[in-house]
Amino acid sequence: MARRRWTEEDKQFLRDNYQKLTNKELAEYFNLTPGGIGYQLKRLDLKRNRKWTSDKDSFLKDSYTKMINKDLANELGTTVCAIEKRLGTLKLRRLKKWTGDRDKFLRDSYDIMSNGYLAKKLGITELAVAKKLSRLGLIRKRKKKWSKKKRRILERKL
């Protein structure tokens, strides 16, 4: 995509609409990327002032364990990143207790399933799976051997 020359009319449109429209919507209007819009907003020192209301916080507190961040963002008219930040600010975490059944499933399946698939089955994040595997000392067996070429490269670096 070629660099855009911003006219005064373009800049004025941004000033008039950046609070009402998302970067994605502005990007579609200007035929740019959302990052390009963000850069121009920064150059013009335009910052969105979207405050969290007590109603939004209450909704978030009531719903964060029942909904994923994407759905929360859609419901509240914000971004997934904003939801993640607000959950952190409010110290709201989704914790799933590790039961004996969940541990057994992990022990029985970790060597035949990826962390992503295990996470999906357990309803948790890949990071939570990786941390639990580490805590349990479960390490996957390497299926493939190093090729002679890779071994030589590694030996040269050592």
N, C-alpha and C. Protein backbone atom coordinates (compact mmCIF):
# COMPACT_ATOMS: atom_id res chain seq x y z
N MET A 1 0.84 -1.17 0.00
CA MET A 1 0.00 0.00 0.00
C MET A 1 0.89 1.24 0.00
N ALA A 2 0.61 2.18 -0.86
CA ALA A 2 1.42 3.39 -0.98
C ALA A 2 1.16 4.31 0.21
N ARG A 3 2.15 5.15 0.48
CA ARG A 3 1.99 6.14 1.56
C ARG A 3 0.93 7.14 1.18
N ARG A 4 0.19 7.56 2.15
CA ARG A 4 -0.90 8.48 1.91
C ARG A 4 -0.47 9.90 2.29
N ARG A 5 -0.83 10.84 1.46
CA ARG A 5 -0.65 12.25 1.81
C ARG A 5 -1.94 12.71 2.48
N TRP A 6 -1.80 13.14 3.70
CA TRP A 6 -2.96 13.56 4.46
C TRP A 6 -3.26 15.03 4.18
N THR A 7 -4.44 15.26 3.63
CA THR A 7 -4.87 16.64 3.38
C THR A 7 -5.45 17.21 4.68
N GLU A 8 -5.63 18.51 4.71
CA GLU A 8 -6.26 19.13 5.88
C GLU A 8 -7.68 18.61 6.06
N GLU A 9 -8.36 18.34 4.93
CA GLU A 9 -9.73 17.79 5.01
C GLU A 9 -9.71 16.41 5.67
N ASP A 10 -8.73 15.57 5.28
CA ASP A 10 -8.59 14.25 5.89
C ASP A 10 -8.36 14.36 7.39
N LYS A 11 -7.44 15.25 7.76
CA LYS A 11 -7.12 15.43 9.17
C LYS A 11 -8.33 15.93 9.95
N GLN A 12 -9.09 16.82 9.32
CA GLN A 12 -10.28 17.34 10.00
C GLN A 12 -11.33 16.25 10.16
N PHE A 13 -11.45 15.37 9.14
CA PHE A 13 -12.38 14.25 9.25
C PHE A 13 -12.00 13.37 10.44
N LEU A 14 -10.69 13.12 10.58
CA LEU A 14 -10.22 12.32 11.72
C LEU A 14 -10.57 13.01 13.03
N ARG A 15 -10.30 14.31 13.12
CA ARG A 15 -10.61 15.05 14.36
C ARG A 15 -12.09 14.96 14.70
N ASP A 16 -12.93 15.03 13.67
CA ASP A 16 -14.37 15.03 13.89
C ASP A 16 -14.93 13.64 14.22
N ASN A 17 -14.23 12.58 13.78
CA ASN A 17 -14.83 11.24 13.86
C ASN A 17 -14.05 10.19 14.66
N TYR A 18 -12.85 10.50 15.11
CA TYR A 18 -12.06 9.44 15.75
C TYR A 18 -12.68 8.94 17.05
N GLN A 19 -13.49 9.75 17.72
CA GLN A 19 -14.15 9.29 18.95
C GLN A 19 -15.36 8.41 18.65
N LYS A 20 -15.95 8.60 17.45
CA LYS A 20 -17.17 7.86 17.09
C LYS A 20 -16.87 6.55 16.37
N LEU A 21 -15.75 6.51 15.65
CA LEU A 21 -15.43 5.35 14.81
C LEU A 21 -14.18 4.65 15.32
N THR A 22 -14.11 3.34 15.08
CA THR A 22 -12.92 2.58 15.45
C THR A 22 -11.84 2.79 14.40
N ASN A 23 -10.61 2.40 14.74
CA ASN A 23 -9.52 2.48 13.76
C ASN A 23 -9.83 1.63 12.53
N LYS A 24 -10.49 0.51 12.75
CA LYS A 24 -10.83 -0.37 11.63
C LYS A 24 -11.81 0.33 10.68
N GLU A 25 -12.82 0.98 11.26
CA GLU A 25 -13.81 1.69 10.43
C GLU A 25 -13.15 2.87 9.71
N LEU A 26 -12.28 3.60 10.40
CA LEU A 26 -11.57 4.71 9.76
C LEU A 26 -10.65 4.19 8.66
N ALA A 27 -10.02 3.04 8.92
CA ALA A 27 -9.13 2.44 7.92
C ALA A 27 -9.89 2.09 6.65
N GLU A 28 -11.09 1.56 6.80
CA GLU A 28 -11.91 1.24 5.63
C GLU A 28 -12.28 2.52 4.87
N TYR A 29 -12.61 3.57 5.60
CA TYR A 29 -12.98 4.84 4.97
C TYR A 29 -11.81 5.41 4.16
N PHE A 30 -10.61 5.37 4.74
CA PHE A 30 -9.44 5.94 4.07
C PHE A 30 -8.67 4.95 3.22
N ASN A 31 -9.13 3.69 3.20
CA ASN A 31 -8.44 2.63 2.46
C ASN A 31 -6.99 2.47 2.97
N LEU A 32 -6.87 2.36 4.28
CA LEU A 32 -5.58 2.18 4.95
C LEU A 32 -5.68 1.02 5.92
N THR A 33 -4.59 0.74 6.60
CA THR A 33 -4.62 -0.26 7.66
C THR A 33 -4.99 0.44 8.98
N PRO A 34 -5.53 -0.32 9.94
CA PRO A 34 -5.80 0.28 11.25
C PRO A 34 -4.53 0.86 11.89
N GLY A 35 -3.39 0.23 11.63
CA GLY A 35 -2.12 0.75 12.15
C GLY A 35 -1.78 2.11 11.57
N GLY A 36 -2.08 2.29 10.28
CA GLY A 36 -1.85 3.59 9.63
C GLY A 36 -2.71 4.67 10.25
N ILE A 37 -3.93 4.31 10.58
CA ILE A 37 -4.83 5.27 11.24
C ILE A 37 -4.28 5.60 12.63
N GLY A 38 -3.87 4.57 13.36
CA GLY A 38 -3.31 4.79 14.70
C GLY A 38 -2.11 5.71 14.66
N TYR A 39 -1.26 5.53 13.65
CA TYR A 39 -0.07 6.38 13.51
C TYR A 39 -0.49 7.83 13.29
N GLN A 40 -1.46 8.05 12.41
CA GLN A 40 -1.90 9.41 12.13
C GLN A 40 -2.58 10.04 13.35
N LEU A 41 -3.36 9.25 14.08
CA LEU A 41 -3.99 9.77 15.29
C LEU A 41 -2.92 10.22 16.28
N LYS A 42 -1.85 9.43 16.39
CA LYS A 42 -0.76 9.78 17.30
C LYS A 42 -0.07 11.06 16.84
N ARG A 43 0.16 11.18 15.55
CA ARG A 43 0.80 12.39 15.01
C ARG A 43 -0.03 13.64 15.28
N LEU A 44 -1.35 13.47 15.25
CA LEU A 44 -2.24 14.60 15.49
C LEU A 44 -2.54 14.76 16.99
N ASP A 45 -1.94 13.90 17.81
CA ASP A 45 -2.14 13.92 19.26
C ASP A 45 -3.62 13.76 19.63
N LEU A 46 -4.28 12.84 18.93
CA LEU A 46 -5.70 12.56 19.19
C LEU A 46 -5.79 11.26 19.98
N LYS A 47 -6.31 11.35 21.19
CA LYS A 47 -6.43 10.18 22.05
C LYS A 47 -7.89 9.96 22.39
N ARG A 48 -8.29 8.72 22.30
CA ARG A 48 -9.67 8.38 22.66
C ARG A 48 -9.80 8.40 24.17
N ASN A 49 -10.88 8.94 24.61
CA ASN A 49 -11.12 9.04 26.04
C ASN A 49 -12.32 8.18 26.39
N ARG A 50 -12.12 6.90 26.34
CA ARG A 50 -13.22 5.97 26.62
C ARG A 50 -13.09 5.49 28.04
N LYS A 51 -13.90 6.01 28.88
CA LYS A 51 -13.85 5.65 30.29
C LYS A 51 -14.74 4.45 30.55
N TRP A 52 -14.34 3.67 31.51
CA TRP A 52 -15.15 2.54 31.93
C TRP A 52 -16.18 3.05 32.91
N THR A 53 -17.42 2.82 32.60
CA THR A 53 -18.50 3.23 33.50
C THR A 53 -18.72 2.13 34.53
N SER A 54 -19.41 2.48 35.60
CA SER A 54 -19.70 1.48 36.62
C SER A 54 -20.62 0.40 36.05
N ASP A 55 -21.49 0.77 35.09
CA ASP A 55 -22.36 -0.22 34.45
C ASP A 55 -21.54 -1.23 33.65
N LYS A 56 -20.54 -0.73 32.91
CA LYS A 56 -19.69 -1.62 32.12
C LYS A 56 -18.86 -2.52 33.05
N ASP A 57 -18.34 -1.94 34.12
CA ASP A 57 -17.58 -2.74 35.08
C ASP A 57 -18.45 -3.83 35.70
N SER A 58 -19.68 -3.46 36.06
CA SER A 58 -20.60 -4.45 36.65
C SER A 58 -20.89 -5.57 35.67
N PHE A 59 -21.14 -5.21 34.40
CA PHE A 59 -21.39 -6.22 33.38
C PHE A 59 -20.18 -7.14 33.25
N LEU A 60 -18.99 -6.54 33.23
CA LEU A 60 -17.76 -7.31 33.09
C LEU A 60 -17.59 -8.27 34.27
N LYS A 61 -17.81 -7.78 35.48
CA LYS A 61 -17.68 -8.61 36.68
C LYS A 61 -18.68 -9.77 36.67
N ASP A 62 -19.88 -9.49 36.19
CA ASP A 62 -20.92 -10.53 36.16
C ASP A 62 -20.71 -11.54 35.03
N SER A 63 -20.05 -11.13 33.96
CA SER A 63 -20.03 -11.95 32.74
C SER A 63 -18.69 -12.57 32.37
N TYR A 64 -17.59 -12.10 32.97
CA TYR A 64 -16.29 -12.54 32.46
C TYR A 64 -16.04 -14.04 32.61
N THR A 65 -16.71 -14.69 33.56
CA THR A 65 -16.52 -16.14 33.69
C THR A 65 -17.41 -16.93 32.75
N LYS A 66 -18.41 -16.25 32.19
CA LYS A 66 -19.37 -16.95 31.31
C LYS A 66 -19.12 -16.69 29.83
N MET A 67 -18.34 -15.66 29.52
CA MET A 67 -18.13 -15.28 28.13
C MET A 67 -16.63 -15.17 27.84
N ILE A 68 -16.26 -15.36 26.57
CA ILE A 68 -14.87 -15.16 26.18
C ILE A 68 -14.67 -13.67 25.90
N ASN A 69 -13.41 -13.24 25.89
CA ASN A 69 -13.09 -11.82 25.73
C ASN A 69 -13.64 -11.22 24.45
N LYS A 70 -13.64 -12.00 23.38
CA LYS A 70 -14.15 -11.49 22.11
C LYS A 70 -15.63 -11.14 22.22
N ASP A 71 -16.41 -12.00 22.87
CA ASP A 71 -17.83 -11.74 23.04
C ASP A 71 -18.06 -10.57 24.00
N LEU A 72 -17.25 -10.48 25.03
CA LEU A 72 -17.35 -9.34 25.96
C LEU A 72 -17.08 -8.03 25.22
N ALA A 73 -16.06 -8.05 24.37
CA ALA A 73 -15.70 -6.84 23.61
C ALA A 73 -16.85 -6.43 22.69
N ASN A 74 -17.44 -7.41 22.00
CA ASN A 74 -18.57 -7.10 21.11
C ASN A 74 -19.74 -6.53 21.90
N GLU A 75 -20.00 -7.12 23.04
CA GLU A 75 -21.14 -6.68 23.87
C GLU A 75 -20.94 -5.26 24.40
N LEU A 76 -19.68 -4.94 24.75
CA LEU A 76 -19.39 -3.63 25.33
C LEU A 76 -18.92 -2.60 24.32
N GLY A 77 -18.81 -3.02 23.06
CA GLY A 77 -18.41 -2.08 22.01
C GLY A 77 -16.98 -1.60 22.15
N THR A 78 -16.09 -2.53 22.48
CA THR A 78 -14.68 -2.17 22.65
C THR A 78 -13.81 -3.27 22.03
N THR A 79 -12.54 -3.23 22.30
CA THR A 79 -11.63 -4.22 21.72
C THR A 79 -11.30 -5.32 22.73
N VAL A 80 -10.81 -6.43 22.22
CA VAL A 80 -10.39 -7.53 23.08
C VAL A 80 -9.25 -7.06 23.98
N CYS A 81 -8.35 -6.25 23.43
CA CYS A 81 -7.22 -5.72 24.20
C CYS A 81 -7.73 -4.88 25.37
N ALA A 82 -8.74 -4.05 25.13
CA ALA A 82 -9.31 -3.21 26.19
C ALA A 82 -9.93 -4.09 27.29
N ILE A 83 -10.59 -5.17 26.87
CA ILE A 83 -11.19 -6.09 27.84
C ILE A 83 -10.09 -6.72 28.70
N GLU A 84 -9.02 -7.20 28.06
CA GLU A 84 -7.93 -7.83 28.79
C GLU A 84 -7.31 -6.86 29.79
N LYS A 85 -7.10 -5.62 29.36
CA LYS A 85 -6.52 -4.62 30.27
C LYS A 85 -7.44 -4.35 31.45
N ARG A 86 -8.75 -4.21 31.15
CA ARG A 86 -9.69 -3.91 32.23
C ARG A 86 -9.81 -5.07 33.21
N LEU A 87 -9.81 -6.30 32.70
CA LEU A 87 -9.84 -7.46 33.59
C LEU A 87 -8.63 -7.44 34.52
N GLY A 88 -7.47 -7.08 33.97
CA GLY A 88 -6.27 -6.99 34.79
C GLY A 88 -6.37 -5.89 35.83
N THR A 89 -6.88 -4.73 35.41
CA THR A 89 -7.05 -3.60 36.34
C THR A 89 -7.98 -3.98 37.49
N LEU A 90 -9.05 -4.69 37.16
CA LEU A 90 -10.02 -5.09 38.17
C LEU A 90 -9.61 -6.36 38.92
N LYS A 91 -8.43 -6.90 38.53
CA LYS A 91 -7.91 -8.14 39.13
C LYS A 91 -8.89 -9.30 39.01
N LEU A 92 -9.50 -9.40 37.84
CA LEU A 92 -10.43 -10.49 37.56
C LEU A 92 -9.71 -11.54 36.74
N ARG A 93 -9.63 -12.75 37.27
CA ARG A 93 -8.96 -13.84 36.56
C ARG A 93 -9.89 -15.03 36.47
N ARG A 94 -9.78 -15.72 35.37
CA ARG A 94 -10.55 -16.95 35.18
C ARG A 94 -9.68 -18.12 35.64
N LEU A 95 -10.00 -18.65 36.76
CA LEU A 95 -9.23 -19.77 37.27
C LEU A 95 -10.07 -21.03 37.23
N LYS A 96 -9.52 -22.05 36.67
CA LYS A 96 -10.17 -23.36 36.67
C LYS A 96 -9.37 -24.22 37.62
N LYS A 97 -10.04 -24.85 38.54
CA LYS A 97 -9.34 -25.70 39.51
C LYS A 97 -8.85 -26.96 38.82
N TRP A 98 -7.65 -27.35 39.22
CA TRP A 98 -7.10 -28.59 38.71
C TRP A 98 -7.60 -29.71 39.61
N THR A 99 -8.47 -30.51 39.05
CA THR A 99 -9.00 -31.65 39.80
C THR A 99 -8.18 -32.89 39.45
N GLY A 100 -8.42 -33.94 40.19
CA GLY A 100 -7.74 -35.20 39.91
C GLY A 100 -8.05 -35.70 38.51
N ASP A 101 -9.31 -35.52 38.09
CA ASP A 101 -9.71 -35.96 36.74
C ASP A 101 -8.97 -35.16 35.67
N ARG A 102 -8.85 -33.85 35.88
CA ARG A 102 -8.16 -33.01 34.89
C ARG A 102 -6.68 -33.36 34.83
N ASP A 103 -6.07 -33.61 36.01
CA ASP A 103 -4.67 -34.03 36.03
C ASP A 103 -4.49 -35.35 35.31
N LYS A 104 -5.37 -36.30 35.56
CA LYS A 104 -5.29 -37.61 34.91
C LYS A 104 -5.41 -37.48 33.40
N PHE A 105 -6.38 -36.66 32.96
CA PHE A 105 -6.55 -36.44 31.52
C PHE A 105 -5.27 -35.86 30.92
N LEU A 106 -4.67 -34.90 31.61
CA LEU A 106 -3.45 -34.28 31.12
C LEU A 106 -2.32 -35.30 31.06
N ARG A 107 -2.15 -36.09 32.12
CA ARG A 107 -1.09 -37.11 32.15
C ARG A 107 -1.28 -38.16 31.04
N ASP A 108 -2.53 -38.55 30.81
CA ASP A 108 -2.82 -39.58 29.81
C ASP A 108 -2.70 -39.05 28.38
N SER A 109 -2.88 -37.74 28.19
CA SER A 109 -3.02 -37.21 26.84
C SER A 109 -1.90 -36.29 26.37
N TYR A 110 -1.05 -35.82 27.28
CA TYR A 110 -0.09 -34.78 26.88
C TYR A 110 0.86 -35.21 25.77
N ASP A 111 1.16 -36.50 25.70
CA ASP A 111 2.13 -36.95 24.70
C ASP A 111 1.50 -37.21 23.34
N ILE A 112 0.17 -37.22 23.28
CA ILE A 112 -0.49 -37.48 21.99
C ILE A 112 -1.30 -36.28 21.50
N MET A 113 -1.40 -35.23 22.32
CA MET A 113 -2.16 -34.04 21.93
C MET A 113 -1.29 -32.80 22.09
N SER A 114 -1.52 -31.81 21.26
CA SER A 114 -0.81 -30.54 21.38
C SER A 114 -1.37 -29.75 22.55
N ASN A 115 -0.61 -28.75 22.99
CA ASN A 115 -1.09 -27.89 24.07
C ASN A 115 -2.38 -27.18 23.67
N GLY A 116 -2.46 -26.80 22.39
CA GLY A 116 -3.67 -26.13 21.91
C GLY A 116 -4.89 -27.02 22.01
N TYR A 117 -4.73 -28.27 21.63
CA TYR A 117 -5.87 -29.20 21.67
C TYR A 117 -6.23 -29.52 23.12
N LEU A 118 -5.23 -29.73 23.97
CA LEU A 118 -5.49 -29.98 25.38
C LEU A 118 -6.23 -28.79 26.00
N ALA A 119 -5.79 -27.59 25.65
CA ALA A 119 -6.42 -26.37 26.18
C ALA A 119 -7.89 -26.32 25.78
N LYS A 120 -8.14 -26.64 24.52
CA LYS A 120 -9.53 -26.62 24.03
C LYS A 120 -10.38 -27.64 24.78
N LYS A 121 -9.85 -28.83 24.97
CA LYS A 121 -10.59 -29.89 25.66
C LYS A 121 -10.86 -29.53 27.13
N LEU A 122 -9.89 -28.85 27.76
CA LEU A 122 -10.02 -28.51 29.17
C LEU A 122 -10.68 -27.15 29.41
N GLY A 123 -10.86 -26.38 28.33
CA GLY A 123 -11.49 -25.06 28.47
C GLY A 123 -10.59 -24.05 29.15
N ILE A 124 -9.28 -24.15 28.88
CA ILE A 124 -8.32 -23.22 29.47
C ILE A 124 -7.38 -22.73 28.39
N THR A 125 -6.41 -21.90 28.75
CA THR A 125 -5.47 -21.38 27.76
C THR A 125 -4.31 -22.34 27.55
N GLU A 126 -3.62 -22.18 26.43
CA GLU A 126 -2.43 -22.98 26.15
C GLU A 126 -1.36 -22.72 27.20
N LEU A 127 -1.26 -21.47 27.64
CA LEU A 127 -0.27 -21.13 28.65
C LEU A 127 -0.54 -21.88 29.95
N ALA A 128 -1.81 -22.00 30.33
CA ALA A 128 -2.16 -22.75 31.55
C ALA A 128 -1.76 -24.21 31.41
N VAL A 129 -1.96 -24.77 30.22
CA VAL A 129 -1.57 -26.17 29.98
C VAL A 129 -0.05 -26.30 30.09
N ALA A 130 0.68 -25.39 29.45
CA ALA A 130 2.15 -25.46 29.48
C ALA A 130 2.68 -25.35 30.91
N LYS A 131 2.09 -24.44 31.70
CA LYS A 131 2.53 -24.28 33.09
C LYS A 131 2.26 -25.54 33.90
N LYS A 132 1.09 -26.12 33.71
CA LYS A 132 0.74 -27.33 34.47
C LYS A 132 1.63 -28.50 34.07
N LEU A 133 1.90 -28.64 32.78
CA LEU A 133 2.81 -29.70 32.32
C LEU A 133 4.17 -29.53 32.98
N SER A 134 4.64 -28.29 33.02
CA SER A 134 5.94 -28.02 33.63
C SER A 134 5.93 -28.37 35.12
N ARG A 135 4.87 -27.94 35.82
CA ARG A 135 4.77 -28.23 37.25
C ARG A 135 4.74 -29.73 37.54
N LEU A 136 4.11 -30.48 36.63
CA LEU A 136 4.01 -31.93 36.80
C LEU A 136 5.25 -32.66 36.28
N GLY A 137 6.17 -31.91 35.67
CA GLY A 137 7.38 -32.52 35.13
C GLY A 137 7.13 -33.38 33.91
N LEU A 138 6.07 -33.09 33.18
CA LEU A 138 5.72 -33.88 31.99
C LEU A 138 6.38 -33.26 30.76
N ILE A 139 7.25 -34.03 30.14
CA ILE A 139 7.96 -33.56 28.96
C ILE A 139 7.66 -34.51 27.82
N ARG A 140 7.32 -33.93 26.68
CA ARG A 140 7.00 -34.77 25.52
C ARG A 140 8.25 -35.42 24.96
N LYS A 141 8.08 -36.64 24.50
CA LYS A 141 9.18 -37.36 23.86
C LYS A 141 9.35 -36.80 22.46
N ARG A 142 10.59 -36.57 22.10
CA ARG A 142 10.86 -36.08 20.74
C ARG A 142 10.68 -37.23 19.77
N LYS A 143 9.85 -37.01 18.79
CA LYS A 143 9.56 -38.05 17.80
C LYS A 143 10.63 -38.09 16.71
N LYS A 144 11.10 -36.89 16.32
CA LYS A 144 12.04 -36.82 15.21
C LYS A 144 13.46 -36.70 15.75
N LYS A 145 14.37 -37.33 15.05
CA LYS A 145 15.78 -37.19 15.40
C LYS A 145 16.34 -36.03 14.59
N TRP A 146 17.40 -35.46 15.11
CA TRP A 146 18.05 -34.37 14.40
C TRP A 146 18.73 -34.94 13.15
N SER A 147 18.64 -34.21 12.07
CA SER A 147 19.33 -34.64 10.86
C SER A 147 20.83 -34.44 11.06
N LYS A 148 21.62 -35.13 10.25
CA LYS A 148 23.08 -35.00 10.34
C LYS A 148 23.50 -33.55 10.09
N LYS A 149 22.84 -32.91 9.14
CA LYS A 149 23.16 -31.53 8.80
C LYS A 149 22.90 -30.60 9.99
N LYS A 150 21.76 -30.76 10.65
CA LYS A 150 21.43 -29.92 11.80
C LYS A 150 22.38 -30.20 12.96
N ARG A 151 22.75 -31.48 13.14
CA ARG A 151 23.67 -31.84 14.21
C ARG A 151 25.04 -31.18 13.99
N ARG A 152 25.51 -31.18 12.73
CA ARG A 152 26.80 -30.56 12.41
C ARG A 152 26.77 -29.05 12.68
N ILE A 153 25.67 -28.41 12.29
CA ILE A 153 25.52 -26.96 12.52
C ILE A 153 25.55 -26.67 14.01
N LEU A 154 24.83 -27.47 14.77
CA LEU A 154 24.78 -27.29 16.23
C LEU A 154 26.17 -27.50 16.84
N GLU A 155 26.88 -28.55 16.41
CA GLU A 155 28.20 -28.84 16.96
C GLU A 155 29.18 -27.72 16.66
N ARG A 156 29.06 -27.11 15.46
CA ARG A 156 29.94 -25.99 15.09
C ARG A 156 29.72 -24.78 16.00
N LYS A 157 28.46 -24.56 16.39
CA LYS A 157 28.14 -23.40 17.23
C LYS A 157 28.58 -23.61 18.67
N LEU A 158 28.69 -24.86 19.09
CA LEU A 158 29.14 -25.15 20.45
C LEU A 158 30.63 -25.11 20.49
